Amino acid sequence: MAIDRVPSLKRCRALGIEAAVVGLGKKSKRQVNRRTRKVSEYGMQLKEKQKAKFIYGVLEKQFRLYYDKAKKMQGVTGENLLILLERRLDNVVFRLGIASTRRQARQMVSHGHITVNGKRLDIPSAFVHANDVVGVKESSRSNELFKAIAESGNNLSVPAWLTAGELGGTVTRFPNRDEIDVPVDEQAIIELYSR
């Protein structure tokens, strides 16, 4: 399995996004002293695609498959692409406040700590459906990390399409574009792939 090992703050600085979007609480102290050049239309579209891939932790091959799937769905392709990315299990774990970053959520899922409808699921890219119940496995709840998460009550900013409980929650419906707060221009991604 391929892994993106680029330092997160360095990547955020290069793409021009805040570290809080990825879930990091720290900021970079470095100042970028680059000459500003005029960015071509292709360069702008490529940057938007790289932003989306970095935020959701998806590599190129899988991202292209999501685009192909979104193109076949009814509705606007760009919105469908973002909805598919939001429906990933690791993203839902992050949105419920069980993990502080999407990378941590991915690790929790792949280590077998997360259940969907009472069954253990260790595939971070699995799609959740409406009325699915996502939670932490009973044997993992005694872990120090999950005890700390339960005491802190991390799920203060849960999106409207999820209902949160203690160390888990329910997917009530799929998100709308208005509820996805990712700073990505999905139309530029669609234009890039449709060249």
N, C-alpha and C. Protein backbone atom coordinates (compact mmCIF):
# COMPACT_ATOMS: atom_id res chain seq x y z
N MET A 1 0.85 -1.18 0.00
CA MET A 1 0.00 0.00 0.00
C MET A 1 0.89 1.24 0.00
N ALA A 2 0.60 2.18 -0.85
CA ALA A 2 1.36 3.41 -0.93
C ALA A 2 0.93 4.37 0.18
N ILE A 3 1.89 5.11 0.72
CA ILE A 3 1.61 6.04 1.80
C ILE A 3 2.22 7.38 1.44
N ASP A 4 1.49 8.45 1.70
CA ASP A 4 1.98 9.80 1.47
C ASP A 4 2.70 10.26 2.74
N ARG A 5 4.02 10.39 2.68
CA ARG A 5 4.81 10.71 3.87
C ARG A 5 5.30 12.16 3.90
N VAL A 6 4.69 13.04 3.12
CA VAL A 6 5.09 14.45 3.10
C VAL A 6 4.66 15.08 4.42
N PRO A 7 5.53 15.87 5.06
CA PRO A 7 5.14 16.54 6.30
C PRO A 7 3.90 17.41 6.10
N SER A 8 2.95 17.31 7.02
CA SER A 8 1.65 17.94 6.84
C SER A 8 1.73 19.46 6.77
N LEU A 9 2.50 20.08 7.67
CA LEU A 9 2.57 21.54 7.65
C LEU A 9 3.23 22.06 6.38
N LYS A 10 4.23 21.35 5.90
CA LYS A 10 4.91 21.76 4.67
C LYS A 10 3.94 21.68 3.49
N ARG A 11 3.13 20.62 3.48
CA ARG A 11 2.16 20.44 2.39
C ARG A 11 1.05 21.50 2.47
N CYS A 12 0.60 21.82 3.69
CA CYS A 12 -0.42 22.87 3.85
C CYS A 12 0.10 24.20 3.34
N ARG A 13 1.35 24.51 3.66
CA ARG A 13 1.94 25.77 3.23
C ARG A 13 2.04 25.82 1.71
N ALA A 14 2.43 24.72 1.09
CA ALA A 14 2.58 24.68 -0.37
C ALA A 14 1.25 24.82 -1.08
N LEU A 15 0.18 24.24 -0.50
CA LEU A 15 -1.14 24.29 -1.14
C LEU A 15 -1.94 25.53 -0.74
N GLY A 16 -1.46 26.26 0.25
CA GLY A 16 -2.14 27.49 0.66
C GLY A 16 -3.39 27.25 1.47
N ILE A 17 -3.41 26.20 2.29
CA ILE A 17 -4.56 25.94 3.14
C ILE A 17 -4.14 26.00 4.59
N GLU A 18 -5.10 26.28 5.46
CA GLU A 18 -4.84 26.35 6.89
C GLU A 18 -4.64 24.94 7.45
N ALA A 19 -3.80 24.82 8.46
CA ALA A 19 -3.54 23.50 9.08
C ALA A 19 -4.77 22.98 9.81
N ALA A 20 -5.66 23.86 10.21
CA ALA A 20 -6.88 23.44 10.93
C ALA A 20 -7.82 22.65 10.02
N VAL A 21 -7.75 22.85 8.72
CA VAL A 21 -8.60 22.12 7.78
C VAL A 21 -8.27 20.63 7.83
N VAL A 22 -6.99 20.32 8.00
CA VAL A 22 -6.54 18.93 8.07
C VAL A 22 -6.75 18.37 9.47
N GLY A 23 -6.90 19.24 10.46
CA GLY A 23 -7.10 18.79 11.84
C GLY A 23 -5.92 19.08 12.74
N LEU A 24 -4.91 19.75 12.21
CA LEU A 24 -3.74 20.06 13.02
C LEU A 24 -3.96 21.35 13.78
N GLY A 25 -3.52 21.38 15.03
CA GLY A 25 -3.72 22.54 15.87
C GLY A 25 -2.58 23.53 15.82
N LYS A 26 -1.48 23.17 15.17
CA LYS A 26 -0.33 24.05 15.15
C LYS A 26 -0.22 24.78 13.82
N LYS A 27 0.55 25.86 13.84
CA LYS A 27 0.77 26.64 12.63
C LYS A 27 2.25 26.67 12.32
N SER A 28 2.56 26.85 11.07
CA SER A 28 3.94 26.95 10.65
C SER A 28 4.46 28.36 10.93
N LYS A 29 5.68 28.45 11.42
CA LYS A 29 6.27 29.75 11.71
C LYS A 29 7.09 30.29 10.54
N ARG A 30 7.26 29.47 9.53
CA ARG A 30 8.07 29.88 8.39
C ARG A 30 7.29 30.83 7.49
N GLN A 31 8.02 31.77 6.96
CA GLN A 31 7.45 32.68 5.99
C GLN A 31 7.92 32.26 4.60
N VAL A 32 7.01 32.18 3.69
CA VAL A 32 7.36 31.79 2.33
C VAL A 32 7.67 33.05 1.55
N ASN A 33 8.90 33.14 1.07
CA ASN A 33 9.34 34.31 0.30
C ASN A 33 9.52 33.91 -1.15
N ARG A 34 8.42 33.67 -1.81
CA ARG A 34 8.48 33.31 -3.22
C ARG A 34 7.96 34.47 -4.05
N ARG A 35 8.53 34.57 -5.22
CA ARG A 35 7.98 35.56 -6.15
C ARG A 35 6.66 35.03 -6.65
N THR A 36 5.71 35.89 -6.73
CA THR A 36 4.40 35.44 -7.22
C THR A 36 4.40 35.49 -8.74
N ARG A 37 4.19 34.32 -9.31
CA ARG A 37 4.09 34.22 -10.76
C ARG A 37 2.64 34.01 -11.11
N LYS A 38 2.32 34.34 -12.33
CA LYS A 38 0.97 34.11 -12.79
C LYS A 38 0.76 32.61 -12.97
N VAL A 39 -0.29 32.08 -12.34
CA VAL A 39 -0.56 30.66 -12.40
C VAL A 39 -1.49 30.40 -13.57
N SER A 40 -1.16 29.41 -14.37
CA SER A 40 -2.00 29.08 -15.52
C SER A 40 -3.30 28.43 -15.04
N GLU A 41 -4.22 28.29 -15.95
CA GLU A 41 -5.49 27.66 -15.62
C GLU A 41 -5.27 26.20 -15.23
N TYR A 42 -4.39 25.52 -15.96
CA TYR A 42 -4.06 24.13 -15.64
C TYR A 42 -3.43 24.03 -14.25
N GLY A 43 -2.53 24.95 -13.93
CA GLY A 43 -1.88 24.95 -12.61
C GLY A 43 -2.87 25.15 -11.48
N MET A 44 -3.85 26.02 -11.70
CA MET A 44 -4.87 26.25 -10.68
C MET A 44 -5.74 25.00 -10.49
N GLN A 45 -6.10 24.35 -11.59
CA GLN A 45 -6.92 23.14 -11.51
C GLN A 45 -6.15 22.02 -10.83
N LEU A 46 -4.86 21.88 -11.14
CA LEU A 46 -4.03 20.85 -10.53
C LEU A 46 -3.89 21.07 -9.03
N LYS A 47 -3.75 22.34 -8.64
CA LYS A 47 -3.63 22.66 -7.21
C LYS A 47 -4.91 22.31 -6.45
N GLU A 48 -6.06 22.55 -7.06
CA GLU A 48 -7.33 22.20 -6.41
C GLU A 48 -7.45 20.68 -6.23
N LYS A 49 -7.01 19.93 -7.24
CA LYS A 49 -7.05 18.48 -7.13
C LYS A 49 -6.10 18.00 -6.04
N GLN A 50 -4.91 18.59 -5.97
CA GLN A 50 -3.94 18.21 -4.94
C GLN A 50 -4.45 18.54 -3.55
N LYS A 51 -5.17 19.66 -3.42
CA LYS A 51 -5.77 20.02 -2.13
C LYS A 51 -6.74 18.95 -1.67
N ALA A 52 -7.65 18.56 -2.56
CA ALA A 52 -8.66 17.57 -2.20
C ALA A 52 -8.02 16.23 -1.85
N LYS A 53 -7.03 15.82 -2.63
CA LYS A 53 -6.35 14.56 -2.35
C LYS A 53 -5.64 14.60 -1.00
N PHE A 54 -5.00 15.72 -0.69
CA PHE A 54 -4.27 15.85 0.56
C PHE A 54 -5.21 15.90 1.77
N ILE A 55 -6.28 16.66 1.66
CA ILE A 55 -7.20 16.80 2.78
C ILE A 55 -7.83 15.46 3.15
N TYR A 56 -8.24 14.70 2.16
CA TYR A 56 -8.91 13.43 2.43
C TYR A 56 -7.94 12.25 2.52
N GLY A 57 -6.66 12.44 2.23
CA GLY A 57 -5.68 11.38 2.35
C GLY A 57 -5.84 10.29 1.31
N VAL A 58 -6.13 10.69 0.07
CA VAL A 58 -6.36 9.75 -1.01
C VAL A 58 -5.26 9.94 -2.05
N LEU A 59 -4.77 8.84 -2.60
CA LEU A 59 -3.77 8.93 -3.66
C LEU A 59 -4.44 9.00 -5.03
N GLU A 60 -3.66 9.18 -6.07
CA GLU A 60 -4.19 9.50 -7.40
C GLU A 60 -5.09 8.42 -7.98
N LYS A 61 -4.69 7.16 -7.89
CA LYS A 61 -5.46 6.10 -8.53
C LYS A 61 -6.86 6.00 -7.92
N GLN A 62 -6.93 6.05 -6.60
CA GLN A 62 -8.23 5.95 -5.93
C GLN A 62 -9.07 7.20 -6.18
N PHE A 63 -8.42 8.37 -6.23
CA PHE A 63 -9.14 9.61 -6.49
C PHE A 63 -9.75 9.58 -7.89
N ARG A 64 -9.02 9.04 -8.84
CA ARG A 64 -9.55 8.94 -10.20
C ARG A 64 -10.75 8.00 -10.26
N LEU A 65 -10.72 6.91 -9.48
CA LEU A 65 -11.86 6.00 -9.42
C LEU A 65 -13.08 6.69 -8.80
N TYR A 66 -12.86 7.54 -7.80
CA TYR A 66 -13.96 8.30 -7.21
C TYR A 66 -14.56 9.25 -8.24
N TYR A 67 -13.69 9.87 -9.07
CA TYR A 67 -14.18 10.77 -10.11
C TYR A 67 -15.03 9.99 -11.12
N ASP A 68 -14.56 8.82 -11.54
CA ASP A 68 -15.32 8.02 -12.50
C ASP A 68 -16.67 7.61 -11.93
N LYS A 69 -16.69 7.26 -10.65
CA LYS A 69 -17.95 6.88 -10.01
C LYS A 69 -18.89 8.08 -9.90
N ALA A 70 -18.34 9.25 -9.57
CA ALA A 70 -19.15 10.47 -9.43
C ALA A 70 -19.73 10.89 -10.77
N LYS A 71 -18.99 10.64 -11.85
CA LYS A 71 -19.45 11.01 -13.18
C LYS A 71 -20.66 10.18 -13.60
N LYS A 72 -20.73 8.93 -13.14
CA LYS A 72 -21.83 8.04 -13.50
C LYS A 72 -23.08 8.29 -12.65
N MET A 73 -22.93 8.97 -11.51
CA MET A 73 -24.07 9.24 -10.63
C MET A 73 -24.91 10.37 -11.20
N GLN A 74 -26.16 10.43 -10.77
CA GLN A 74 -27.03 11.53 -11.18
C GLN A 74 -26.67 12.78 -10.38
N GLY A 75 -26.82 13.93 -11.02
CA GLY A 75 -26.54 15.18 -10.35
C GLY A 75 -25.25 15.81 -10.85
N VAL A 76 -24.76 16.80 -10.11
CA VAL A 76 -23.55 17.52 -10.48
C VAL A 76 -22.34 16.68 -10.10
N THR A 77 -21.43 16.48 -11.03
CA THR A 77 -20.29 15.59 -10.82
C THR A 77 -19.39 16.07 -9.69
N GLY A 78 -19.13 17.37 -9.61
CA GLY A 78 -18.24 17.90 -8.57
C GLY A 78 -18.80 17.69 -7.17
N GLU A 79 -20.10 17.94 -7.01
CA GLU A 79 -20.73 17.71 -5.72
C GLU A 79 -20.74 16.23 -5.38
N ASN A 80 -21.00 15.38 -6.37
CA ASN A 80 -20.99 13.94 -6.13
C ASN A 80 -19.61 13.46 -5.68
N LEU A 81 -18.56 14.04 -6.26
CA LEU A 81 -17.20 13.67 -5.89
C LEU A 81 -16.93 14.00 -4.42
N LEU A 82 -17.30 15.19 -3.98
CA LEU A 82 -17.09 15.57 -2.59
C LEU A 82 -17.95 14.74 -1.64
N ILE A 83 -19.17 14.41 -2.06
CA ILE A 83 -20.04 13.59 -1.21
C ILE A 83 -19.45 12.19 -1.06
N LEU A 84 -18.88 11.63 -2.15
CA LEU A 84 -18.24 10.32 -2.05
C LEU A 84 -17.04 10.37 -1.09
N LEU A 85 -16.26 11.44 -1.15
CA LEU A 85 -15.12 11.56 -0.25
C LEU A 85 -15.56 11.72 1.20
N GLU A 86 -16.66 12.43 1.42
CA GLU A 86 -17.18 12.59 2.79
C GLU A 86 -17.75 11.29 3.34
N ARG A 87 -18.21 10.41 2.47
CA ARG A 87 -18.83 9.15 2.92
C ARG A 87 -17.81 8.09 3.30
N ARG A 88 -16.53 8.34 3.10
CA ARG A 88 -15.51 7.36 3.50
C ARG A 88 -15.55 7.16 5.01
N LEU A 89 -15.28 5.94 5.46
CA LEU A 89 -15.38 5.62 6.88
C LEU A 89 -14.38 6.41 7.71
N ASP A 90 -13.15 6.58 7.22
CA ASP A 90 -12.18 7.34 8.01
C ASP A 90 -12.59 8.80 8.16
N ASN A 91 -13.23 9.36 7.13
CA ASN A 91 -13.71 10.73 7.24
C ASN A 91 -14.87 10.83 8.22
N VAL A 92 -15.76 9.86 8.24
CA VAL A 92 -16.90 9.88 9.17
C VAL A 92 -16.40 9.79 10.61
N VAL A 93 -15.38 8.95 10.85
CA VAL A 93 -14.80 8.84 12.19
C VAL A 93 -14.21 10.19 12.61
N PHE A 94 -13.54 10.87 11.68
CA PHE A 94 -12.99 12.20 11.96
C PHE A 94 -14.10 13.22 12.23
N ARG A 95 -15.15 13.20 11.42
CA ARG A 95 -16.25 14.15 11.58
C ARG A 95 -17.01 13.94 12.88
N LEU A 96 -17.08 12.69 13.37
CA LEU A 96 -17.77 12.40 14.63
C LEU A 96 -16.96 12.84 15.85
N GLY A 97 -15.70 13.21 15.65
CA GLY A 97 -14.87 13.66 16.75
C GLY A 97 -14.18 12.54 17.49
N ILE A 98 -14.21 11.33 16.94
CA ILE A 98 -13.51 10.21 17.59
C ILE A 98 -12.00 10.37 17.40
N ALA A 99 -11.59 10.90 16.26
CA ALA A 99 -10.17 11.14 15.97
C ALA A 99 -9.95 12.63 15.74
N SER A 100 -8.75 13.09 16.04
CA SER A 100 -8.46 14.51 15.87
C SER A 100 -8.04 14.87 14.45
N THR A 101 -7.52 13.91 13.69
CA THR A 101 -7.16 14.14 12.30
C THR A 101 -7.67 12.97 11.45
N ARG A 102 -7.70 13.17 10.15
CA ARG A 102 -8.13 12.09 9.26
C ARG A 102 -7.09 10.97 9.23
N ARG A 103 -5.82 11.31 9.39
CA ARG A 103 -4.78 10.28 9.44
C ARG A 103 -4.96 9.40 10.68
N GLN A 104 -5.27 10.01 11.81
CA GLN A 104 -5.51 9.24 13.02
C GLN A 104 -6.76 8.37 12.86
N ALA A 105 -7.79 8.91 12.23
CA ALA A 105 -9.01 8.14 11.99
C ALA A 105 -8.72 6.95 11.09
N ARG A 106 -7.90 7.16 10.08
CA ARG A 106 -7.54 6.06 9.18
C ARG A 106 -6.82 4.95 9.93
N GLN A 107 -5.93 5.34 10.84
CA GLN A 107 -5.20 4.35 11.62
C GLN A 107 -6.13 3.60 12.57
N MET A 108 -7.07 4.31 13.20
CA MET A 108 -8.04 3.66 14.09
C MET A 108 -8.85 2.60 13.33
N VAL A 109 -9.29 2.97 12.13
CA VAL A 109 -10.09 2.04 11.33
C VAL A 109 -9.26 0.84 10.92
N SER A 110 -8.06 1.07 10.41
CA SER A 110 -7.24 -0.04 9.92
C SER A 110 -6.74 -0.94 11.04
N HIS A 111 -6.68 -0.44 12.28
CA HIS A 111 -6.30 -1.27 13.41
C HIS A 111 -7.48 -2.02 14.02
N GLY A 112 -8.66 -1.82 13.47
CA GLY A 112 -9.82 -2.61 13.89
C GLY A 112 -10.55 -2.09 15.10
N HIS A 113 -10.42 -0.81 15.43
CA HIS A 113 -11.10 -0.25 16.60
C HIS A 113 -12.52 0.22 16.30
N ILE A 114 -12.90 0.33 15.03
CA ILE A 114 -14.17 0.93 14.64
C ILE A 114 -15.15 -0.15 14.16
N THR A 115 -16.41 0.02 14.55
CA THR A 115 -17.46 -0.89 14.09
C THR A 115 -18.50 -0.10 13.29
N VAL A 116 -19.12 -0.77 12.32
CA VAL A 116 -20.23 -0.21 11.57
C VAL A 116 -21.39 -1.18 11.72
N ASN A 117 -22.47 -0.69 12.29
CA ASN A 117 -23.65 -1.52 12.59
C ASN A 117 -23.29 -2.73 13.45
N GLY A 118 -22.39 -2.54 14.40
CA GLY A 118 -22.01 -3.59 15.34
C GLY A 118 -20.97 -4.56 14.84
N LYS A 119 -20.52 -4.44 13.59
CA LYS A 119 -19.52 -5.33 13.03
C LYS A 119 -18.22 -4.57 12.79
N ARG A 120 -17.11 -5.20 13.14
CA ARG A 120 -15.81 -4.56 12.97
C ARG A 120 -15.51 -4.39 11.49
N LEU A 121 -15.05 -3.20 11.13
CA LEU A 121 -14.71 -2.91 9.74
C LEU A 121 -13.35 -2.23 9.73
N ASP A 122 -12.39 -2.81 9.03
CA ASP A 122 -11.03 -2.27 9.04
C ASP A 122 -10.59 -1.75 7.67
N ILE A 123 -11.53 -1.28 6.88
CA ILE A 123 -11.23 -0.70 5.57
C ILE A 123 -11.56 0.79 5.62
N PRO A 124 -10.53 1.66 5.65
CA PRO A 124 -10.79 3.10 5.78
C PRO A 124 -11.56 3.70 4.62
N SER A 125 -11.46 3.12 3.42
CA SER A 125 -12.12 3.68 2.26
C SER A 125 -13.54 3.16 2.06
N ALA A 126 -14.04 2.36 2.98
CA ALA A 126 -15.40 1.81 2.85
C ALA A 126 -16.41 2.94 2.96
N PHE A 127 -17.47 2.87 2.16
CA PHE A 127 -18.51 3.89 2.19
C PHE A 127 -19.53 3.57 3.28
N VAL A 128 -19.96 4.60 3.99
CA VAL A 128 -21.06 4.44 4.92
C VAL A 128 -22.35 4.79 4.19
N HIS A 129 -23.44 4.24 4.64
CA HIS A 129 -24.74 4.48 4.03
C HIS A 129 -25.63 5.17 5.04
N ALA A 130 -26.79 5.63 4.60
CA ALA A 130 -27.73 6.27 5.49
C ALA A 130 -28.18 5.27 6.56
N ASN A 131 -28.35 5.74 7.78
CA ASN A 131 -28.76 4.97 8.96
C ASN A 131 -27.71 3.98 9.44
N ASP A 132 -26.46 4.10 9.00
CA ASP A 132 -25.39 3.28 9.56
C ASP A 132 -24.97 3.83 10.91
N VAL A 133 -24.68 2.94 11.84
CA VAL A 133 -24.22 3.33 13.17
C VAL A 133 -22.72 3.05 13.25
N VAL A 134 -21.94 4.09 13.45
CA VAL A 134 -20.49 3.99 13.53
C VAL A 134 -20.08 4.20 14.98
N GLY A 135 -19.24 3.32 15.50
CA GLY A 135 -18.81 3.44 16.88
C GLY A 135 -17.48 2.76 17.12
N VAL A 136 -17.04 2.84 18.38
CA VAL A 136 -15.79 2.20 18.79
C VAL A 136 -16.11 0.82 19.34
N LYS A 137 -15.29 -0.15 18.99
CA LYS A 137 -15.48 -1.52 19.43
C LYS A 137 -15.46 -1.60 20.96
N GLU A 138 -16.28 -2.45 21.55
CA GLU A 138 -16.40 -2.54 23.01
C GLU A 138 -15.08 -2.84 23.67
N SER A 139 -14.29 -3.75 23.12
CA SER A 139 -13.02 -4.10 23.74
C SER A 139 -12.00 -2.96 23.65
N SER A 140 -12.18 -2.05 22.70
CA SER A 140 -11.25 -0.93 22.54
C SER A 140 -11.61 0.26 23.42
N ARG A 141 -12.81 0.28 23.96
CA ARG A 141 -13.23 1.42 24.78
C ARG A 141 -12.42 1.56 26.06
N SER A 142 -11.78 0.49 26.51
CA SER A 142 -10.96 0.56 27.72
C SER A 142 -9.57 1.13 27.43
N ASN A 143 -9.25 1.34 26.18
CA ASN A 143 -7.97 1.91 25.77
C ASN A 143 -7.87 3.35 26.30
N GLU A 144 -6.67 3.76 26.69
CA GLU A 144 -6.45 5.09 27.27
C GLU A 144 -6.85 6.21 26.30
N LEU A 145 -6.56 6.01 25.02
CA LEU A 145 -6.89 7.03 24.02
C LEU A 145 -8.40 7.26 23.96
N PHE A 146 -9.16 6.20 23.90
CA PHE A 146 -10.61 6.34 23.78
C PHE A 146 -11.24 6.82 25.09
N LYS A 147 -10.63 6.49 26.23
CA LYS A 147 -11.12 7.03 27.51
C LYS A 147 -10.94 8.55 27.53
N ALA A 148 -9.78 9.01 27.05
CA ALA A 148 -9.52 10.46 27.01
C ALA A 148 -10.48 11.16 26.06
N ILE A 149 -10.78 10.55 24.94
CA ILE A 149 -11.71 11.14 23.97
C ILE A 149 -13.11 11.23 24.56
N ALA A 150 -13.54 10.17 25.27
CA ALA A 150 -14.88 10.16 25.87
C ALA A 150 -15.00 11.22 26.96
N GLU A 151 -13.92 11.43 27.74
CA GLU A 151 -13.96 12.43 28.80
C GLU A 151 -13.94 13.85 28.26
N SER A 152 -13.23 14.06 27.15
CA SER A 152 -13.11 15.42 26.61
C SER A 152 -14.36 15.86 25.86
N GLY A 153 -15.16 14.92 25.37
CA GLY A 153 -16.36 15.28 24.62
C GLY A 153 -16.01 16.02 23.35
N ASN A 154 -15.23 15.39 22.49
CA ASN A 154 -14.68 16.01 21.28
C ASN A 154 -15.72 16.38 20.23
N ASN A 155 -16.93 15.82 20.29
CA ASN A 155 -17.88 15.98 19.19
C ASN A 155 -18.73 17.24 19.32
N LEU A 156 -18.06 18.39 19.46
CA LEU A 156 -18.78 19.65 19.58
C LEU A 156 -19.24 20.18 18.23
N SER A 157 -18.47 19.94 17.19
CA SER A 157 -18.80 20.50 15.88
C SER A 157 -19.13 19.39 14.88
N VAL A 158 -20.09 18.56 15.22
CA VAL A 158 -20.49 17.47 14.34
C VAL A 158 -21.41 18.03 13.26
N PRO A 159 -21.20 17.68 11.99
CA PRO A 159 -22.06 18.19 10.91
C PRO A 159 -23.52 17.75 11.08
N ALA A 160 -24.41 18.43 10.37
CA ALA A 160 -25.84 18.17 10.51
C ALA A 160 -26.26 16.81 9.97
N TRP A 161 -25.48 16.23 9.07
CA TRP A 161 -25.85 14.94 8.50
C TRP A 161 -25.44 13.76 9.38
N LEU A 162 -24.82 14.06 10.52
CA LEU A 162 -24.44 13.02 11.49
C LEU A 162 -25.07 13.36 12.84
N THR A 163 -25.45 12.32 13.59
CA THR A 163 -25.87 12.52 14.98
C THR A 163 -24.86 11.79 15.85
N ALA A 164 -24.28 12.50 16.80
CA ALA A 164 -23.19 11.95 17.59
C ALA A 164 -23.69 11.44 18.93
N GLY A 165 -23.06 10.36 19.37
CA GLY A 165 -23.28 9.82 20.69
C GLY A 165 -21.93 9.72 21.39
N GLU A 166 -21.85 8.90 22.44
CA GLU A 166 -20.58 8.73 23.12
C GLU A 166 -19.73 7.73 22.34
N LEU A 167 -18.59 8.19 21.86
CA LEU A 167 -17.67 7.39 21.05
C LEU A 167 -18.37 6.74 19.86
N GLY A 168 -19.16 7.52 19.15
CA GLY A 168 -19.82 7.00 17.96
C GLY A 168 -20.90 7.93 17.48
N GLY A 169 -21.71 7.43 16.57
CA GLY A 169 -22.80 8.23 16.04
C GLY A 169 -23.50 7.50 14.91
N THR A 170 -24.48 8.20 14.32
CA THR A 170 -25.29 7.63 13.26
C THR A 170 -25.24 8.55 12.04
N VAL A 171 -25.16 7.95 10.86
CA VAL A 171 -25.24 8.70 9.61
C VAL A 171 -26.72 8.82 9.28
N THR A 172 -27.30 10.01 9.44
CA THR A 172 -28.74 10.17 9.21
C THR A 172 -29.06 10.29 7.72
N ARG A 173 -28.14 10.93 6.97
CA ARG A 173 -28.35 11.12 5.53
C ARG A 173 -27.01 11.47 4.91
N PHE A 174 -26.98 11.63 3.60
CA PHE A 174 -25.75 12.05 2.94
C PHE A 174 -25.63 13.57 3.01
N PRO A 175 -24.42 14.10 3.01
CA PRO A 175 -24.26 15.55 3.13
C PRO A 175 -24.60 16.29 1.84
N ASN A 176 -24.97 17.56 1.98
CA ASN A 176 -25.14 18.47 0.85
C ASN A 176 -23.83 19.21 0.64
N ARG A 177 -23.68 19.89 -0.48
CA ARG A 177 -22.46 20.67 -0.74
C ARG A 177 -22.33 21.80 0.27
N ASP A 178 -23.44 22.36 0.74
CA ASP A 178 -23.37 23.47 1.69
C ASP A 178 -22.80 23.01 3.04
N GLU A 179 -22.95 21.74 3.37
CA GLU A 179 -22.50 21.22 4.66
C GLU A 179 -21.05 20.73 4.63
N ILE A 180 -20.44 20.71 3.47
CA ILE A 180 -19.05 20.28 3.35
C ILE A 180 -18.18 21.53 3.40
N ASP A 181 -17.40 21.67 4.47
CA ASP A 181 -16.64 22.89 4.70
C ASP A 181 -15.19 22.79 4.22
N VAL A 182 -14.95 22.01 3.20
CA VAL A 182 -13.60 21.85 2.66
C VAL A 182 -13.34 22.95 1.63
N PRO A 183 -12.22 23.69 1.75
CA PRO A 183 -11.96 24.80 0.83
C PRO A 183 -11.42 24.33 -0.51
N VAL A 184 -12.25 23.64 -1.27
CA VAL A 184 -11.85 23.10 -2.57
C VAL A 184 -12.86 23.53 -3.61
N ASP A 185 -12.37 23.94 -4.78
CA ASP A 185 -13.23 24.26 -5.91
C ASP A 185 -13.38 23.00 -6.74
N GLU A 186 -14.47 22.28 -6.52
CA GLU A 186 -14.65 20.98 -7.17
C GLU A 186 -14.84 21.11 -8.68
N GLN A 187 -15.33 22.25 -9.14
CA GLN A 187 -15.53 22.45 -10.57
C GLN A 187 -14.19 22.46 -11.31
N ALA A 188 -13.14 23.01 -10.68
CA ALA A 188 -11.83 23.01 -11.30
C ALA A 188 -11.28 21.59 -11.44
N ILE A 189 -11.58 20.73 -10.47
CA ILE A 189 -11.14 19.33 -10.54
C ILE A 189 -11.82 18.62 -11.70
N ILE A 190 -13.12 18.89 -11.87
CA ILE A 190 -13.87 18.25 -12.94
C ILE A 190 -13.34 18.73 -14.30
N GLU A 191 -13.03 20.01 -14.41
CA GLU A 191 -12.49 20.54 -15.66
C GLU A 191 -11.12 19.93 -15.97
N LEU A 192 -10.32 19.68 -14.93
CA LEU A 192 -9.01 19.07 -15.14
C LEU A 192 -9.16 17.65 -15.68
N TYR A 193 -10.06 16.87 -15.08
CA TYR A 193 -10.20 15.48 -15.53
C TYR A 193 -10.93 15.37 -16.86
N SER A 194 -11.71 16.36 -17.24
CA SER A 194 -12.44 16.26 -18.49
C SER A 194 -11.66 16.83 -19.67
N ARG A 195 -10.41 17.12 -19.51
CA ARG A 195 -9.58 17.62 -20.62
C ARG A 195 -9.39 16.54 -21.68
